[in-house]
Structure formats: C-alpha cells, structure tokens
Amino acid sequence: MDHWQVHGFSSLRIENWDGEFTVFQPESGKTHFLNEMGLQVLIMLGQSPVTLEGLCQKLSEYFTLLPDTQFPEQIARTLQRFEALGLIVRVKESA
C-alpha cells in the first residue's frame, strides 16, 4: 500500500495570511498558495508517512468532518497535485 510523505518538510517556508497560506519551496524556487486543508495535509505528511485512508481519517478528526464519499477523492486529487509540484513523494511501506 502506498504511503505519502513530504519531501524536505523542514526546508519549506510557510506563512499565514489570514487563513490562506504560502509555502515557499527553496529547492524549486516556487511559492504555492494553500488553504488550511492543504496546509494540514503537508503538516500531517511531514510528521510521518501515511496512507490516503489514514490521512483522510486524521483530517476528518482535525476538522471534525462527517464521513463523506467525495472526501477521499478530493484528498487523492490534492495528493496528486502536491506530488506533481514536488512537495510530496510516494513511498512503499517496507513489509
């Protein structure tokens, strides 16, 4: 099962602008604009590698969300976007 983790979390420069966040990625020289959900995805993946299901569970608890069939799809799209930007990487769990 795939796990996700942030690539170089400690190097990211995060700023809060009234609930919107900028994330500067020194490695690429790019700045990304995130809402609080996107920022929490990065923070949670920065703590330890996690699966899509585990991440959805953590986010649901953090934001006190009720289970929703669309939610995992939305988070999966966020993970794909973050991976394309080079913010996160997919890692295989060693058995």
PDB file of N, CA and C in Angstrom:
ATOM      1  N   MET A   1       0.834  -1.184   0.000  1.00  0.00           N
ATOM      2  CA  MET A   1       0.000   0.000   0.000  1.00  0.00           C
ATOM      3  C   MET A   1       0.883   1.253   0.000  1.00  0.00           C
ATOM      4  N   ASP A   2       0.505   2.213  -0.827  1.00  0.00           N
ATOM      5  CA  ASP A   2       1.290   3.440  -0.923  1.00  0.00           C
ATOM      6  C   ASP A   2       1.116   4.329   0.301  1.00  0.00           C
ATOM      7  N   HIS A   3       2.215   4.908   0.697  1.00  0.00           N
ATOM      8  CA  HIS A   3       2.233   5.926   1.739  1.00  0.00           C
ATOM      9  C   HIS A   3       2.760   7.207   1.097  1.00  0.00           C
ATOM     10  N   TRP A   4       2.445   8.319   1.695  1.00  0.00           N
ATOM     11  CA  TRP A   4       2.896   9.614   1.198  1.00  0.00           C
ATOM     12  C   TRP A   4       3.683  10.303   2.292  1.00  0.00           C
ATOM     13  N   GLN A   5       4.667  11.083   1.894  1.00  0.00           N
ATOM     14  CA  GLN A   5       5.387  11.896   2.865  1.00  0.00           C
ATOM     15  C   GLN A   5       5.857  13.170   2.177  1.00  0.00           C
ATOM     16  N   VAL A   6       6.119  14.194   2.991  1.00  0.00           N
ATOM     17  CA  VAL A   6       6.595  15.457   2.435  1.00  0.00           C
ATOM     18  C   VAL A   6       8.068  15.321   2.097  1.00  0.00           C
ATOM     19  N   HIS A   7       8.425  15.843   0.961  1.00  0.00           N
ATOM     20  CA  HIS A   7       9.824  15.853   0.522  1.00  0.00           C
ATOM     21  C   HIS A   7      10.476  17.120   1.074  1.00  0.00           C
ATOM     22  N   GLY A   8      11.350  16.974   2.073  1.00  0.00           N
ATOM     23  CA  GLY A   8      12.070  18.126   2.626  1.00  0.00           C
ATOM     24  C   GLY A   8      11.203  19.094   3.399  1.00  0.00           C
ATOM     25  N   PHE A   9      10.331  18.585   4.274  1.00  0.00           N
ATOM     26  CA  PHE A   9       9.402  19.444   5.017  1.00  0.00           C
ATOM     27  C   PHE A   9      10.112  20.557   5.783  1.00  0.00           C
ATOM     28  N   SER A  10      11.226  20.242   6.420  1.00  0.00           N
ATOM     29  CA  SER A  10      11.909  21.240   7.250  1.00  0.00           C
ATOM     30  C   SER A  10      12.434  22.422   6.439  1.00  0.00           C
ATOM     31  N   SER A  11      12.618  22.240   5.131  1.00  0.00           N
ATOM     32  CA  SER A  11      13.127  23.338   4.303  1.00  0.00           C
ATOM     33  C   SER A  11      12.011  24.275   3.821  1.00  0.00           C
ATOM     34  N   LEU A  12      10.744  23.837   3.935  1.00  0.00           N
ATOM     35  CA  LEU A  12       9.631  24.659   3.461  1.00  0.00           C
ATOM     36  C   LEU A  12       9.463  25.887   4.340  1.00  0.00           C
ATOM     37  N   ARG A  13       9.158  27.019   3.741  1.00  0.00           N
ATOM     38  CA  ARG A  13       8.905  28.264   4.460  1.00  0.00           C
ATOM     39  C   ARG A  13       7.417  28.565   4.341  1.00  0.00           C
ATOM     40  N   ILE A  14       6.718  28.499   5.477  1.00  0.00           N
ATOM     41  CA  ILE A  14       5.264  28.635   5.486  1.00  0.00           C
ATOM     42  C   ILE A  14       4.873  29.951   6.160  1.00  0.00           C
ATOM     43  N   GLU A  15       4.003  30.703   5.504  1.00  0.00           N
ATOM     44  CA  GLU A  15       3.495  31.965   6.053  1.00  0.00           C
ATOM     45  C   GLU A  15       1.973  31.935   6.052  1.00  0.00           C
ATOM     46  N   ASN A  16       1.378  32.503   7.094  1.00  0.00           N
ATOM     47  CA  ASN A  16      -0.075  32.578   7.231  1.00  0.00           C
ATOM     48  C   ASN A  16      -0.540  33.978   6.861  1.00  0.00           C
ATOM     49  N   TRP A  17      -1.492  34.061   5.946  1.00  0.00           N
ATOM     50  CA  TRP A  17      -2.078  35.332   5.513  1.00  0.00           C
ATOM     51  C   TRP A  17      -3.584  35.257   5.749  1.00  0.00           C
ATOM     52  N   ASP A  18      -3.999  35.445   6.990  1.00  0.00           N
ATOM     53  CA  ASP A  18      -5.432  35.407   7.344  1.00  0.00           C
ATOM     54  C   ASP A  18      -6.135  34.142   6.866  1.00  0.00           C
ATOM     55  N   GLY A  19      -5.578  32.988   7.197  1.00  0.00           N
ATOM     56  CA  GLY A  19      -6.217  31.719   6.854  1.00  0.00           C
ATOM     57  C   GLY A  19      -5.839  31.161   5.502  1.00  0.00           C
ATOM     58  N   GLU A  20      -5.120  31.917   4.706  1.00  0.00           N
ATOM     59  CA  GLU A  20      -4.546  31.415   3.463  1.00  0.00           C
ATOM     60  C   GLU A  20      -3.047  31.315   3.705  1.00  0.00           C
ATOM     61  N   PHE A  21      -2.420  30.353   3.091  1.00  0.00           N
ATOM     62  CA  PHE A  21      -1.018  30.081   3.406  1.00  0.00           C
ATOM     63  C   PHE A  21      -0.169  30.076   2.149  1.00  0.00           C
ATOM     64  N   THR A  22       1.032  30.619   2.278  1.00  0.00           N
ATOM     65  CA  THR A  22       2.013  30.496   1.211  1.00  0.00           C
ATOM     66  C   THR A  22       3.074  29.524   1.695  1.00  0.00           C
ATOM     67  N   VAL A  23       3.499  28.673   0.796  1.00  0.00           N
ATOM     68  CA  VAL A  23       4.541  27.701   1.083  1.00  0.00           C
ATOM     69  C   VAL A  23       5.636  27.907   0.042  1.00  0.00           C
ATOM     70  N   PHE A  24       6.780  28.385   0.504  1.00  0.00           N
ATOM     71  CA  PHE A  24       7.923  28.564  -0.396  1.00  0.00           C
ATOM     72  C   PHE A  24       8.776  27.319  -0.342  1.00  0.00           C
ATOM     73  N   GLN A  25       9.098  26.806  -1.512  1.00  0.00           N
ATOM     74  CA  GLN A  25       9.877  25.578  -1.660  1.00  0.00           C
ATOM     75  C   GLN A  25      11.249  25.969  -2.204  1.00  0.00           C
ATOM     76  N   PRO A  26      12.256  26.126  -1.300  1.00  0.00           N
ATOM     77  CA  PRO A  26      13.579  26.590  -1.742  1.00  0.00           C
ATOM     78  C   PRO A  26      14.197  25.730  -2.841  1.00  0.00           C
ATOM     79  N   GLU A  27      13.971  24.429  -2.777  1.00  0.00           N
ATOM     80  CA  GLU A  27      14.568  23.509  -3.744  1.00  0.00           C
ATOM     81  C   GLU A  27      14.174  23.839  -5.189  1.00  0.00           C
ATOM     82  N   SER A  28      12.895  24.231  -5.367  1.00  0.00           N
ATOM     83  CA  SER A  28      12.412  24.545  -6.715  1.00  0.00           C
ATOM     84  C   SER A  28      12.340  26.047  -6.960  1.00  0.00           C
ATOM     85  N   GLY A  29      12.396  26.829  -5.877  1.00  0.00           N
ATOM     86  CA  GLY A  29      12.253  28.276  -6.008  1.00  0.00           C
ATOM     87  C   GLY A  29      10.816  28.711  -6.233  1.00  0.00           C
ATOM     88  N   LYS A  30       9.866  27.811  -5.986  1.00  0.00           N
ATOM     89  CA  LYS A  30       8.452  28.106  -6.243  1.00  0.00           C
ATOM     90  C   LYS A  30       7.703  28.388  -4.943  1.00  0.00           C
ATOM     91  N   THR A  31       6.676  29.216  -5.067  1.00  0.00           N
ATOM     92  CA  THR A  31       5.779  29.501  -3.951  1.00  0.00           C
ATOM     93  C   THR A  31       4.409  28.935  -4.301  1.00  0.00           C
ATOM     94  N   HIS A  32       3.806  28.236  -3.349  1.00  0.00           N
ATOM     95  CA  HIS A  32       2.491  27.629  -3.544  1.00  0.00           C
ATOM     96  C   HIS A  32       1.508  28.287  -2.586  1.00  0.00           C
ATOM     97  N   PHE A  33       0.263  28.449  -3.023  1.00  0.00           N
ATOM     98  CA  PHE A  33      -0.780  29.049  -2.204  1.00  0.00           C
ATOM     99  C   PHE A  33      -1.757  27.959  -1.785  1.00  0.00           C
ATOM    100  N   LEU A  34      -1.955  27.811  -0.467  1.00  0.00           N
ATOM    101  CA  LEU A  34      -2.792  26.735   0.067  1.00  0.00           C
ATOM    102  C   LEU A  34      -3.842  27.282   1.015  1.00  0.00           C
ATOM    103  N   ASN A  35      -4.956  26.543   1.116  1.00  0.00           N
ATOM    104  CA  ASN A  35      -5.915  26.838   2.168  1.00  0.00           C
ATOM    105  C   ASN A  35      -5.512  26.010   3.394  1.00  0.00           C
ATOM    106  N   GLU A  36      -6.293  26.100   4.463  1.00  0.00           N
ATOM    107  CA  GLU A  36      -5.913  25.403   5.695  1.00  0.00           C
ATOM    108  C   GLU A  36      -5.898  23.884   5.525  1.00  0.00           C
ATOM    109  N   MET A  37      -6.812  23.347   4.725  1.00  0.00           N
ATOM    110  CA  MET A  37      -6.838  21.896   4.495  1.00  0.00           C
ATOM    111  C   MET A  37      -5.550  21.452   3.810  1.00  0.00           C
ATOM    112  N   GLY A  38      -5.134  22.180   2.777  1.00  0.00           N
ATOM    113  CA  GLY A  38      -3.900  21.839   2.076  1.00  0.00           C
ATOM    114  C   GLY A  38      -2.693  21.918   2.988  1.00  0.00           C
ATOM    115  N   LEU A  39      -2.666  22.942   3.834  1.00  0.00           N
ATOM    116  CA  LEU A  39      -1.557  23.079   4.776  1.00  0.00           C
ATOM    117  C   LEU A  39      -1.529  21.910   5.755  1.00  0.00           C
ATOM    118  N   GLN A  40      -2.686  21.511   6.266  1.00  0.00           N
ATOM    119  CA  GLN A  40      -2.733  20.383   7.203  1.00  0.00           C
ATOM    120  C   GLN A  40      -2.281  19.089   6.542  1.00  0.00           C
ATOM    121  N   VAL A  41      -2.589  18.918   5.260  1.00  0.00           N
ATOM    122  CA  VAL A  41      -2.097  17.741   4.532  1.00  0.00           C
ATOM    123  C   VAL A  41      -0.569  17.730   4.586  1.00  0.00           C
ATOM    124  N   LEU A  42       0.053  18.870   4.290  1.00  0.00           N
ATOM    125  CA  LEU A  42       1.519  18.934   4.324  1.00  0.00           C
ATOM    126  C   LEU A  42       2.056  18.680   5.730  1.00  0.00           C
ATOM    127  N   ILE A  43       1.442  19.288   6.730  1.00  0.00           N
ATOM    128  CA  ILE A  43       1.913  19.121   8.112  1.00  0.00           C
ATOM    129  C   ILE A  43       1.818  17.654   8.534  1.00  0.00           C
ATOM    130  N   MET A  44       0.685  17.028   8.250  1.00  0.00           N
ATOM    131  CA  MET A  44       0.494  15.627   8.650  1.00  0.00           C
ATOM    132  C   MET A  44       1.462  14.699   7.919  1.00  0.00           C
ATOM    133  N   LEU A  45       1.702  14.969   6.641  1.00  0.00           N
ATOM    134  CA  LEU A  45       2.648  14.139   5.892  1.00  0.00           C
ATOM    135  C   LEU A  45       4.087  14.456   6.282  1.00  0.00           C
ATOM    136  N   GLY A  46       4.309  15.618   6.853  1.00  0.00           N
ATOM    137  CA  GLY A  46       5.635  15.984   7.339  1.00  0.00           C
ATOM    138  C   GLY A  46       5.992  15.277   8.628  1.00  0.00           C
ATOM    139  N   GLN A  47       4.978  14.825   9.372  1.00  0.00           N
ATOM    140  CA  GLN A  47       5.217  14.144  10.642  1.00  0.00           C
ATOM    141  C   GLN A  47       5.640  12.704  10.426  1.00  0.00           C
ATOM    142  N   SER A  48       4.982  12.020   9.500  1.00  0.00           N
ATOM    143  CA  SER A  48       5.334  10.635   9.189  1.00  0.00           C
ATOM    144  C   SER A  48       4.581  10.215   7.932  1.00  0.00           C
ATOM    145  N   PRO A  49       5.122   9.231   7.202  1.00  0.00           N
ATOM    146  CA  PRO A  49       4.419   8.749   6.011  1.00  0.00           C
ATOM    147  C   PRO A  49       3.050   8.183   6.398  1.00  0.00           C
ATOM    148  N   VAL A  50       2.066   8.412   5.562  1.00  0.00           N
ATOM    149  CA  VAL A  50       0.709   7.946   5.867  1.00  0.00           C
ATOM    150  C   VAL A  50      -0.001   7.572   4.566  1.00  0.00           C
ATOM    151  N   THR A  51      -0.958   6.657   4.671  1.00  0.00           N
ATOM    152  CA  THR A  51      -1.758   6.239   3.517  1.00  0.00           C
ATOM    153  C   THR A  51      -2.863   7.259   3.272  1.00  0.00           C
ATOM    154  N   LEU A  52      -3.496   7.173   2.117  1.00  0.00           N
ATOM    155  CA  LEU A  52      -4.632   8.033   1.811  1.00  0.00           C
ATOM    156  C   LEU A  52      -5.720   7.853   2.869  1.00  0.00           C
ATOM    157  N   GLU A  53      -6.015   6.602   3.219  1.00  0.00           N
ATOM    158  CA  GLU A  53      -7.064   6.340   4.202  1.00  0.00           C
ATOM    159  C   GLU A  53      -6.705   6.936   5.567  1.00  0.00           C
ATOM    160  N   GLY A  54      -5.459   6.751   5.977  1.00  0.00           N
ATOM    161  CA  GLY A  54      -5.011   7.302   7.252  1.00  0.00           C
ATOM    162  C   GLY A  54      -5.058   8.814   7.262  1.00  0.00           C
ATOM    163  N   LEU A  55      -4.681   9.421   6.148  1.00  0.00           N
ATOM    164  CA  LEU A  55      -4.704  10.872   6.043  1.00  0.00           C
ATOM    165  C   LEU A  55      -6.140  11.396   6.110  1.00  0.00           C
ATOM    166  N   CYS A  56      -7.053  10.749   5.415  1.00  0.00           N
ATOM    167  CA  CYS A  56      -8.463  11.158   5.453  1.00  0.00           C
ATOM    168  C   CYS A  56      -9.010  11.068   6.872  1.00  0.00           C
ATOM    169  N   GLN A  57      -8.633  10.021   7.597  1.00  0.00           N
ATOM    170  CA  GLN A  57      -9.078   9.859   8.984  1.00  0.00           C
ATOM    171  C   GLN A  57      -8.548  11.001   9.853  1.00  0.00           C
ATOM    172  N   LYS A  58      -7.263  11.306   9.729  1.00  0.00           N
ATOM    173  CA  LYS A  58      -6.657  12.381  10.523  1.00  0.00           C
ATOM    174  C   LYS A  58      -7.289  13.731  10.201  1.00  0.00           C
ATOM    175  N   LEU A  59      -7.506  13.996   8.913  1.00  0.00           N
ATOM    176  CA  LEU A  59      -8.110  15.267   8.514  1.00  0.00           C
ATOM    177  C   LEU A  59      -9.549  15.375   9.004  1.00  0.00           C
ATOM    178  N   SER A  60     -10.301  14.272   8.935  1.00  0.00           N
ATOM    179  CA  SER A  60     -11.683  14.271   9.422  1.00  0.00           C
ATOM    180  C   SER A  60     -11.724  14.597  10.903  1.00  0.00           C
ATOM    181  N   GLU A  61     -10.787  14.023  11.657  1.00  0.00           N
ATOM    182  CA  GLU A  61     -10.730  14.306  13.095  1.00  0.00           C
ATOM    183  C   GLU A  61     -10.309  15.756  13.350  1.00  0.00           C
ATOM    184  N   TYR A  62      -9.299  16.231  12.637  1.00  0.00           N
ATOM    185  CA  TYR A  62      -8.786  17.584  12.848  1.00  0.00           C
ATOM    186  C   TYR A  62      -9.855  18.636  12.563  1.00  0.00           C
ATOM    187  N   PHE A  63     -10.585  18.461  11.462  1.00  0.00           N
ATOM    188  CA  PHE A  63     -11.593  19.439  11.055  1.00  0.00           C
ATOM    189  C   PHE A  63     -13.006  19.063  11.521  1.00  0.00           C
ATOM    190  N   THR A  64     -13.125  17.989  12.311  1.00  0.00           N
ATOM    191  CA  THR A  64     -14.412  17.449  12.774  1.00  0.00           C
ATOM    192  C   THR A  64     -15.423  17.353  11.618  1.00  0.00           C
ATOM    193  N   LEU A  65     -15.029  16.603  10.597  1.00  0.00           N
ATOM    194  CA  LEU A  65     -15.876  16.388   9.429  1.00  0.00           C
ATOM    195  C   LEU A  65     -16.598  15.054   9.531  1.00  0.00           C
ATOM    196  N   LEU A  66     -17.806  15.013   9.004  1.00  0.00           N
ATOM    197  CA  LEU A  66     -18.523  13.752   8.925  1.00  0.00           C
ATOM    198  C   LEU A  66     -18.042  12.992   7.695  1.00  0.00           C
ATOM    199  N   PRO A  67     -18.019  11.646   7.773  1.00  0.00           N
ATOM    200  CA  PRO A  67     -17.576  10.868   6.616  1.00  0.00           C
ATOM    201  C   PRO A  67     -18.379  11.232   5.377  1.00  0.00           C
ATOM    202  N   ASP A  68     -17.700  11.326   4.268  1.00  0.00           N
ATOM    203  CA  ASP A  68     -18.292  11.752   3.006  1.00  0.00           C
ATOM    204  C   ASP A  68     -17.620  10.941   1.898  1.00  0.00           C
ATOM    205  N   THR A  69     -18.396  10.409   0.988  1.00  0.00           N
ATOM    206  CA  THR A  69     -17.822   9.566  -0.060  1.00  0.00           C
ATOM    207  C   THR A  69     -16.922  10.358  -1.001  1.00  0.00           C
ATOM    208  N   GLN A  70     -17.153  11.668  -1.134  1.00  0.00           N
ATOM    209  CA  GLN A  70     -16.351  12.508  -2.026  1.00  0.00           C
ATOM    210  C   GLN A  70     -15.000  12.868  -1.415  1.00  0.00           C
ATOM    211  N   PHE A  71     -14.916  12.871  -0.096  1.00  0.00           N
ATOM    212  CA  PHE A  71     -13.723  13.373   0.594  1.00  0.00           C
ATOM    213  C   PHE A  71     -12.439  12.646   0.188  1.00  0.00           C
ATOM    214  N   PRO A  72     -12.403  11.300   0.212  1.00  0.00           N
ATOM    215  CA  PRO A  72     -11.169  10.613  -0.201  1.00  0.00           C
ATOM    216  C   PRO A  72     -10.745  10.958  -1.631  1.00  0.00           C
ATOM    217  N   GLU A  73     -11.720  11.151  -2.526  1.00  0.00           N
ATOM    218  CA  GLU A  73     -11.398  11.524  -3.909  1.00  0.00           C
ATOM    219  C   GLU A  73     -10.751  12.905  -3.950  1.00  0.00           C
ATOM    220  N   GLN A  74     -11.291  13.839  -3.164  1.00  0.00           N
ATOM    221  CA  GLN A  74     -10.732  15.192  -3.120  1.00  0.00           C
ATOM    222  C   GLN A  74      -9.308  15.174  -2.574  1.00  0.00           C
ATOM    223  N   ILE A  75      -9.083  14.399  -1.514  1.00  0.00           N
ATOM    224  CA  ILE A  75      -7.749  14.322  -0.915  1.00  0.00           C
ATOM    225  C   ILE A  75      -6.787  13.622  -1.871  1.00  0.00           C
ATOM    226  N   ALA A  76      -7.261  12.596  -2.584  1.00  0.00           N
ATOM    227  CA  ALA A  76      -6.410  11.909  -3.569  1.00  0.00           C
ATOM    228  C   ALA A  76      -5.971  12.889  -4.658  1.00  0.00           C
ATOM    229  N   ARG A  77      -6.887  13.757  -5.115  1.00  0.00           N
ATOM    230  CA  ARG A  77      -6.518  14.764  -6.124  1.00  0.00           C
ATOM    231  C   ARG A  77      -5.496  15.746  -5.550  1.00  0.00           C
ATOM    232  N   THR A  78      -5.663  16.119  -4.290  1.00  0.00           N
ATOM    233  CA  THR A  78      -4.701  17.014  -3.635  1.00  0.00           C
ATOM    234  C   THR A  78      -3.326  16.352  -3.582  1.00  0.00           C
ATOM    235  N   LEU A  79      -3.284  15.072  -3.223  1.00  0.00           N
ATOM    236  CA  LEU A  79      -2.009  14.353  -3.170  1.00  0.00           C
ATOM    237  C   LEU A  79      -1.350  14.308  -4.548  1.00  0.00           C
ATOM    238  N   GLN A  80      -2.135  14.058  -5.579  1.00  0.00           N
ATOM    239  CA  GLN A  80      -1.590  14.016  -6.939  1.00  0.00           C
ATOM    240  C   GLN A  80      -1.023  15.375  -7.336  1.00  0.00           C
ATOM    241  N   ARG A  81      -1.747  16.442  -6.986  1.00  0.00           N
ATOM    242  CA  ARG A  81      -1.279  17.791  -7.314  1.00  0.00           C
ATOM    243  C   ARG A  81       0.010  18.105  -6.563  1.00  0.00           C
ATOM    244  N   PHE A  82       0.045  17.782  -5.254  1.00  0.00           N
ATOM    245  CA  PHE A  82       1.241  18.034  -4.447  1.00  0.00           C
ATOM    246  C   PHE A  82       2.429  17.214  -4.953  1.00  0.00           C
ATOM    247  N   GLU A  83       2.159  15.984  -5.410  1.00  0.00           N
ATOM    248  CA  GLU A  83       3.235  15.156  -5.948  1.00  0.00           C
ATOM    249  C   GLU A  83       3.773  15.774  -7.244  1.00  0.00           C
ATOM    250  N   ALA A  84       2.887  16.254  -8.101  1.00  0.00           N
ATOM    251  CA  ALA A  84       3.311  16.879  -9.358  1.00  0.00           C
ATOM    252  C   ALA A  84       4.147  18.140  -9.088  1.00  0.00           C
ATOM    253  N   LEU A  85       3.837  18.847  -7.999  1.00  0.00           N
ATOM    254  CA  LEU A  85       4.589  20.050  -7.633  1.00  0.00           C
ATOM    255  C   LEU A  85       5.916  19.729  -6.948  1.00  0.00           C
ATOM    256  N   GLY A  86       6.106  18.446  -6.597  1.00  0.00           N
ATOM    257  CA  GLY A  86       7.341  18.060  -5.921  1.00  0.00           C
ATOM    258  C   GLY A  86       7.330  18.317  -4.420  1.00  0.00           C
ATOM    259  N   LEU A  87       6.136  18.580  -3.867  1.00  0.00           N
ATOM    260  CA  LEU A  87       6.030  18.819  -2.421  1.00  0.00           C
ATOM    261  C   LEU A  87       6.031  17.513  -1.627  1.00  0.00           C
ATOM    262  N   ILE A  88       5.456  16.462  -2.218  1.00  0.00           N
ATOM    263  CA  ILE A  88       5.372  15.177  -1.527  1.00  0.00           C
ATOM    264  C   ILE A  88       5.866  14.078  -2.459  1.00  0.00           C
ATOM    265  N   VAL A  89       6.197  12.943  -1.849  1.00  0.00           N
ATOM    266  CA  VAL A  89       6.605  11.766  -2.622  1.00  0.00           C
ATOM    267  C   VAL A  89       5.846  10.555  -2.122  1.00  0.00           C
ATOM    268  N   ARG A  90       5.665   9.621  -3.033  1.00  0.00           N
ATOM    269  CA  ARG A  90       5.015   8.347  -2.697  1.00  0.00           C
ATOM    270  C   ARG A  90       6.109   7.388  -2.243  1.00  0.00           C
ATOM    271  N   VAL A  91       5.864   6.711  -1.148  1.00  0.00           N
ATOM    272  CA  VAL A  91       6.841   5.739  -0.650  1.00  0.00           C
ATOM    273  C   VAL A  91       6.144   4.410  -0.432  1.00  0.00           C
ATOM    274  N   LYS A  92       6.862   3.346  -0.664  1.00  0.00           N
ATOM    275  CA  LYS A  92       6.320   1.997  -0.440  1.00  0.00           C
ATOM    276  C   LYS A  92       6.622   1.607   0.999  1.00  0.00           C
ATOM    277  N   GLU A  93       5.630   1.033   1.655  1.00  0.00           N
ATOM    278  CA  GLU A  93       5.856   0.563   3.030  1.00  0.00           C
ATOM    279  C   GLU A  93       6.667  -0.708   2.965  1.00  0.00           C
ATOM    280  N   SER A  94       7.729  -0.762   3.747  1.00  0.00           N
ATOM    281  CA  SER A  94       8.527  -1.979   3.767  1.00  0.00           C
ATOM    282  C   SER A  94       7.853  -3.001   4.670  1.00  0.00           C
ATOM    283  N   ALA A  95       7.623  -4.175   4.135  1.00  0.00           N
ATOM    284  CA  ALA A  95       6.890  -5.198   4.882  1.00  0.00           C
ATOM    285  C   ALA A  95       7.800  -5.958   5.808  1.00  0.00           C
TER     286      ALA A  95
END
